[in-house]
Each structure stands twice: as C-alpha cells, then as structure tokens.
Protein backbone atom coordinates (compact mmCIF):
# COMPACT_ATOMS: atom_id res chain seq x y z
CA MET A 1 -12.38 287.81 198.12
CA LEU A 2 -15.28 288.55 200.44
CA ARG A 3 -13.79 286.59 203.32
CA ASP A 4 -10.36 288.19 202.90
CA GLN A 5 -11.79 291.72 202.80
CA ALA A 6 -14.13 291.06 205.72
CA VAL A 7 -11.32 289.76 207.93
CA ALA A 8 -9.06 292.68 206.97
CA GLN A 9 -11.62 295.47 207.28
CA ILE A 10 -14.18 294.58 209.98
CA PRO A 11 -12.88 294.85 213.56
CA GLY A 12 -14.03 292.18 216.00
CA LEU A 13 -15.14 289.76 213.32
CA ARG A 14 -14.67 286.05 214.04
CA CYS A 15 -14.56 283.79 211.00
CA HIS A 16 -15.12 280.04 211.37
CA GLU A 17 -14.70 277.23 208.86
CA ALA A 18 -18.03 275.97 207.58
CA PRO A 19 -18.93 272.53 208.96
CA THR A 20 -20.17 269.75 206.73
CA THR A 21 -23.71 268.33 206.80
CA SER A 22 -24.66 264.67 207.24
CA ASP A 23 -27.06 262.74 205.04
CA GLY A 24 -29.54 262.61 207.91
CA VAL A 25 -29.63 266.39 208.23
CA LEU A 26 -29.87 266.90 204.46
CA ALA A 27 -32.86 264.52 204.53
CA LEU A 28 -34.80 267.09 206.58
CA ALA A 29 -35.41 268.81 203.23
CA HIS A 30 -34.28 266.37 200.51
CA HIS A 31 -35.24 262.91 199.37
CA PRO A 32 -32.69 260.26 200.47
CA HIS A 33 -32.46 258.94 196.89
CA TYR A 34 -31.46 262.39 195.61
CA ILE A 35 -28.88 262.80 198.39
CA HIS A 36 -27.39 259.41 197.50
CA ARG A 37 -27.21 260.21 193.78
CA VAL A 38 -25.50 263.54 194.46
CA SER A 39 -23.02 261.97 196.88
CA SER A 40 -22.18 258.97 194.72
CA GLY A 41 -21.83 260.81 191.41
CA ALA A 42 -24.92 259.18 189.91
CA LEU A 43 -26.51 262.41 188.61
CA SER A 44 -27.32 262.28 184.92
CA ALA A 45 -25.79 264.72 182.45
CA GLU A 46 -29.17 266.45 182.24
CA GLU A 47 -29.33 266.85 186.02
CA GLN A 48 -25.83 268.28 186.08
CA ARG A 49 -26.74 270.77 183.35
CA ALA A 50 -29.78 271.88 185.38
CA ILE A 51 -27.57 272.47 188.39
CA GLY A 52 -24.96 274.27 186.31
CA PHE A 53 -21.93 272.51 187.83
CA PRO A 54 -20.22 269.35 186.65
CA TRP A 55 -20.20 266.68 189.36
CA SER A 56 -17.09 266.30 191.49
CA GLU A 57 -16.32 265.28 195.05
CA ALA A 58 -15.39 268.91 195.73
CA MET A 59 -18.80 270.07 194.47
CA VAL A 60 -20.52 267.68 196.88
CA GLU A 61 -18.35 268.76 199.81
CA ARG A 62 -18.87 272.44 199.06
CA SER A 63 -22.63 271.93 198.89
CA ARG A 64 -22.66 270.11 202.22
CA ARG A 65 -20.57 272.82 203.84
CA SER A 66 -22.69 275.62 202.40
CA SER A 67 -25.68 274.10 204.20
CA GLY A 68 -23.58 273.51 207.29
CA ALA A 69 -22.61 277.16 207.35
CA THR A 70 -26.23 278.33 207.38
CA ILE A 71 -26.96 275.86 210.17
CA ALA A 72 -24.02 277.26 212.15
CA ALA A 73 -25.18 280.81 211.40
CA CYS A 74 -28.62 280.00 212.81
CA ARG A 75 -27.14 278.59 216.00
CA ALA A 76 -24.86 281.61 216.38
CA ALA A 77 -27.67 284.09 215.66
CA LEU A 78 -29.74 282.59 218.46
CA GLN A 79 -26.83 283.49 220.78
CA SER A 80 -25.66 286.83 219.40
CA GLY A 81 -28.61 288.26 217.48
CA VAL A 82 -27.04 288.17 214.01
CA SER A 83 -24.70 285.81 212.18
CA VAL A 84 -23.70 285.45 208.54
CA ASN A 85 -22.87 282.64 206.14
CA LEU A 86 -20.53 284.04 203.48
CA ALA A 87 -22.10 281.62 200.98
CA GLY A 88 -25.48 279.87 200.99
CA GLY A 89 -28.84 281.07 199.77
CA THR A 90 -29.18 278.02 197.49
CA HIS A 91 -32.92 278.51 197.12
CA HIS A 92 -33.47 276.82 193.74
CA ALA A 93 -32.73 273.34 195.10
CA HIS A 94 -35.92 271.24 195.35
CA ALA A 95 -36.45 268.15 197.49
CA ASP A 96 -35.58 265.81 194.62
CA ARG A 97 -33.39 267.88 192.33
CA GLY A 98 -30.94 270.74 192.06
CA GLN A 99 -30.97 273.61 189.60
CA GLY A 100 -29.74 277.16 189.10
CA PHE A 101 -26.34 276.60 190.78
CA CYS A 102 -28.09 275.11 193.83
CA VAL A 103 -27.55 271.51 195.01
CA PHE A 104 -28.96 271.43 198.57
CA ASN A 105 -31.39 274.00 200.00
CA ASP A 106 -29.49 275.42 202.96
CA ALA A 107 -32.31 277.63 204.29
CA ALA A 108 -34.91 274.87 204.36
CA ILE A 109 -32.44 272.42 205.91
CA ALA A 110 -31.33 274.88 208.58
CA ALA A 111 -34.87 275.94 209.47
CA ARG A 112 -35.97 272.36 209.98
CA LEU A 113 -32.88 271.44 211.97
CA MET A 114 -33.41 274.38 214.35
CA GLN A 115 -36.88 272.96 214.96
CA ALA A 116 -35.59 269.40 215.35
CA GLU A 117 -33.05 270.63 217.91
CA ARG A 118 -35.92 272.35 219.77
CA ARG A 119 -34.26 275.75 219.50
CA VAL A 120 -37.32 277.32 217.83
CA THR A 121 -40.69 276.22 216.53
CA ARG A 122 -41.46 278.97 213.99
CA VAL A 123 -39.05 280.27 211.33
CA VAL A 124 -39.42 282.78 208.52
CA ILE A 125 -37.25 282.75 205.41
CA ILE A 126 -37.05 286.25 203.93
CA ASP A 127 -35.68 285.80 200.42
CA LEU A 128 -34.50 289.05 198.80
CA ASP A 129 -32.39 287.47 196.10
CA VAL A 130 -33.57 288.81 192.74
CA HIS A 131 -34.72 285.32 191.70
CA GLN A 132 -37.75 283.66 193.25
CA GLY A 133 -36.97 281.04 195.89
CA ASP A 134 -38.86 278.30 194.07
CA GLY A 135 -37.11 275.36 195.69
CA THR A 136 -37.62 276.74 199.19
CA ALA A 137 -41.29 277.41 198.49
CA SER A 138 -41.78 273.93 197.07
CA ILE A 139 -40.06 272.09 199.92
CA LEU A 140 -41.95 274.04 202.59
CA ALA A 141 -45.30 274.35 200.79
CA ASN A 142 -47.25 272.33 203.35
CA ASP A 143 -45.31 273.39 206.42
CA ASP A 144 -47.23 275.97 208.44
CA SER A 145 -44.37 276.35 210.92
CA ILE A 146 -42.00 277.92 208.35
CA PHE A 147 -43.13 281.03 206.46
CA THR A 148 -41.58 281.80 203.06
CA LEU A 149 -41.41 285.36 201.69
CA SER A 150 -39.89 286.06 198.27
CA LEU A 151 -39.47 289.55 196.79
CA HIS A 152 -38.13 289.04 193.28
CA ALA A 153 -38.05 290.12 189.64
CA GLN A 154 -41.24 288.95 187.95
CA ASN A 155 -39.69 288.23 184.56
CA ASN A 156 -36.53 286.53 185.80
CA TYR A 157 -35.47 282.93 186.44
CA PRO A 158 -37.07 280.56 187.34
CA PHE A 159 -39.76 280.93 184.73
CA ASP A 160 -41.82 278.14 186.30
CA LYS A 161 -42.23 279.58 189.79
CA SER A 162 -43.47 277.87 192.93
CA ARG A 163 -45.88 279.52 195.38
CA SER A 164 -44.34 281.01 198.51
CA ASP A 165 -46.46 281.95 201.49
CA LEU A 166 -45.97 285.52 200.29
CA ASP A 167 -44.66 286.39 196.81
CA ILE A 168 -44.02 289.97 195.68
CA ALA A 169 -43.13 290.01 191.97
CA LEU A 170 -41.53 293.22 190.70
CA PRO A 171 -41.39 294.59 187.13
CA ASP A 172 -38.12 295.05 185.27
CA GLY A 173 -36.26 298.20 186.22
CA THR A 174 -37.76 298.56 189.69
CA ASP A 175 -35.82 301.32 191.46
CA ASP A 176 -34.92 301.97 195.11
CA ARG A 177 -38.08 303.87 196.00
CA HIS A 178 -40.54 301.36 194.61
CA TYR A 179 -38.55 298.38 195.88
CA LEU A 180 -38.37 299.71 199.43
CA GLN A 181 -42.07 300.51 199.40
CA GLN A 182 -42.86 296.96 198.35
CA LEU A 183 -40.47 295.54 200.94
CA ASP A 184 -42.11 297.58 203.70
CA HIS A 185 -45.51 296.30 202.55
CA ALA A 186 -44.23 292.71 202.46
CA LEU A 187 -42.71 292.90 205.95
CA ARG A 188 -45.93 294.33 207.37
CA MET A 189 -47.94 291.52 205.78
CA LEU A 190 -45.47 288.92 207.01
CA PHE A 191 -45.63 289.98 210.64
CA ASP A 192 -49.38 290.41 210.51
CA ARG A 193 -49.73 286.80 209.40
CA PHE A 194 -46.90 285.03 211.22
CA ASP A 195 -45.03 285.24 214.52
CA PRO A 196 -41.53 283.86 213.93
CA GLN A 197 -38.81 283.11 216.47
CA LEU A 198 -35.96 283.16 213.92
CA ILE A 199 -35.35 284.90 210.60
CA ILE A 200 -33.23 283.37 207.85
CA TYR A 201 -32.47 286.24 205.47
CA LEU A 202 -31.21 285.68 201.92
CA ALA A 203 -29.44 288.95 201.12
CA GLY A 204 -28.78 288.59 197.40
CA ALA A 205 -26.56 291.20 195.75
CA ASP A 206 -28.31 290.61 192.43
CA PRO A 207 -31.09 293.26 192.65
CA PHE A 208 -28.19 295.69 191.99
CA GLU A 209 -28.61 297.86 188.88
CA GLY A 210 -25.26 296.63 187.53
CA ASP A 211 -25.99 292.92 187.91
CA ARG A 212 -25.81 290.83 184.73
CA LEU A 213 -28.72 288.57 185.74
CA GLY A 214 -30.82 290.90 187.86
CA ARG A 215 -33.29 292.97 185.78
CA LEU A 216 -33.94 295.32 188.73
CA SER A 217 -32.31 298.73 189.30
CA LEU A 218 -31.34 299.09 192.95
CA SER A 219 -28.38 301.27 193.85
CA VAL A 220 -25.75 300.30 196.39
CA ASP A 221 -27.43 302.67 198.86
CA GLY A 222 -30.81 301.12 198.08
CA LEU A 223 -29.42 297.69 198.93
CA ALA A 224 -28.11 299.07 202.22
CA GLN A 225 -31.58 300.44 203.01
CA ARG A 226 -33.03 297.02 202.16
CA ASP A 227 -30.71 295.28 204.63
CA ARG A 228 -31.49 297.83 207.34
CA ALA A 229 -35.22 297.42 206.77
CA VAL A 230 -35.02 293.69 207.44
CA LEU A 231 -32.68 294.06 210.42
CA ASN A 232 -34.68 296.94 211.92
CA ALA A 233 -37.85 294.84 211.68
CA ALA A 234 -36.01 292.02 213.44
CA ARG A 235 -34.62 294.30 216.15
CA ALA A 236 -38.05 295.80 216.82
CA ARG A 237 -39.32 292.28 217.55
CA GLN A 238 -36.12 291.04 219.24
CA LEU A 239 -35.69 288.34 216.61
CA PRO A 240 -32.37 286.68 215.75
CA VAL A 241 -31.30 286.80 212.10
CA ALA A 242 -29.11 284.34 210.20
CA ILE A 243 -27.98 285.81 206.88
CA ALA A 244 -26.92 283.95 203.74
CA MET A 245 -25.32 285.91 200.91
CA ALA A 246 -27.26 284.30 198.01
CA GLY A 247 -26.76 285.55 194.44
CA GLY A 248 -24.63 288.23 192.83
CA TYR A 249 -23.46 288.42 189.21
CA GLY A 250 -21.93 291.84 188.69
CA HIS A 251 -20.09 292.67 185.50
CA ARG A 252 -17.15 293.25 187.85
CA ILE A 253 -16.82 290.74 190.66
CA GLU A 254 -15.50 293.56 192.85
CA GLU A 255 -18.94 295.18 192.76
CA THR A 256 -20.64 292.03 194.01
CA VAL A 257 -18.04 291.60 196.75
CA ALA A 258 -18.53 295.22 197.84
CA ILE A 259 -22.30 294.76 198.13
CA HIS A 260 -21.92 291.58 200.19
CA LEU A 261 -19.32 293.32 202.36
CA GLN A 262 -21.75 296.17 202.92
CA THR A 263 -24.37 293.67 204.12
CA LEU A 264 -21.80 292.17 206.47
CA ARG A 265 -20.89 295.59 207.91
CA ILE A 266 -24.55 296.45 208.48
CA ALA A 267 -25.19 293.08 210.12
CA GLY A 268 -22.38 293.81 212.57
CA GLU A 269 -24.34 296.77 213.93
CA TYR A 270 -27.10 294.43 215.15
CA VAL A 271 -25.06 291.95 217.21
CA ILE A 272 -26.41 292.03 220.76
CA GLU A 273 -24.16 289.90 222.98
CA GLN A 274 -21.21 288.25 221.28
CA PRO A 275 -18.66 289.54 218.74
CA GLN A 276 -19.93 289.13 215.19
CA ARG A 277 -19.74 285.50 214.09
CA VAL A 278 -19.32 284.49 210.47
CA VAL A 279 -19.20 281.03 208.95
CA GLY A 280 -18.35 280.43 205.34
C-alpha cells in the first residue's frame, strides 16, 4: 500500500526493487551459524516463535532483501543526500538470534558494509521506533565507529533492553511537546559526542497516539516535526541520511501507511542532487 501510494502521489520518485544480501554481507553483523540455520530452515520452533514468523523460503528471501534495501538506501543517500527503504528497521535482531518480527539487523549490516566498502568510517543509527533497538545496540556494543541512539517507550518491548550509546526512555503517554524536547536534547548530545559521516534513521510510525503497540501519544503533526528535526540536523551538518520505515501497528493500516508516506514526502524535500530514490 505504501509503495503504491508513494508512486502515485510523489512526483519525481524513483522506486527500485530491493536487492538480496549474501551470506558474507549478513556475516558483518550475524554469526555464520545463525545465518545458516535461518537459510536452511533449521530454526527451532522456539526460535520461530521469538521471531514471530513461521519459517519459509519466502521469509528468508524477504529478510535478505530488507537488509539489501537499507544497503542500497545508504549507497543512494551518499549520492543524493536522502534515500528511503520502504521496509527495514529490523532492530530487534541480535547477532545470533532473531526476535520481535526481525530476522537480520539491516541497520547494523548496512553500516558495517558502508565501512567495508570504504564509503564512510563513522555512522550513527538514530532509532526513533517506539521500541528500543536492543539488537542493534547489542551487535554494535563494542564498536566505537558506529554510534547508536534510541529514543523509545520505557515500558514497552523489549523488556530486557540492551545498552545503546545513548538511550532516552520515555514514560507512557509522552506527547508531542515532551517528545520533541527530548529528541532535541538527544540530538545535541549525539553530535557533541560523535562526528558521523552517515545517518541511518529508523523512522517508526509506532510512537503515534493511535498505535496498538506504541504506548506514546504523538500526533501525526508531531511525527512530522520529529522527521524534520532529524533531517534538519543532518542538513545543518551536510550529512546523508538513509531512512528505514521500521514499526507501525495502527488500528487501521491506512493510518500507518499515511504516517510512513508523510515521512517519505518530507524526505523528498532534502534530496540534494538526484531525484528521490527509494528501495523496498
């Protein structure tokens, strides 16, 4: 639904099929044994329940392509300023396991591949999904070249949280004003402590007040201000931004699609050289 509406409503948008991801690239963030068990269908019933999806070849292919799309978005952002993966944001995937509807951690994989390809040396992952990016924080815990920032609902999943480089935990019912104040504080702290060359931004729709799994109370306008805050901070520092859509669980799927579409429209305002590029 998001792709169809984006293509129909956003002039100049170029949509590309998401590429797949090889075992070698996945291994930049995941243990080879875990990659093999996912690919071969050897996950236990308990592991599949933790992920939330039954195993299938299609599940594996989708997970590979979701990571491939964030990789492609990073490459495109380094050319045009901003690019978007219409999926991704699978931040609960750890090095050796998946959970919370996340199989492979696209942001961690993409950040490390951009470094391996010598495109950048320092990356920040700004995670504004309503749930803490525990898998991302765990994978990158000892990596000083990738900074992890998570602004999330304190009392929400996962209940056993990892430690990001910067965690801002918000109480239930946090509204636009308080959220945006905390985001401004977090961005200031981030750029005081770290000098990135690329931003990977997880723009979850789930802080929305109507989200079934959110626990926060942001309005649609508040979410737009959130997106602009991140992109304005990037523009002020001339930093490219690759966006992944991350979570969204509205009572009506149309609400979630509209929030993601709003993020996509706002992102289009920050493209600097090429027409907006989307993979997903």
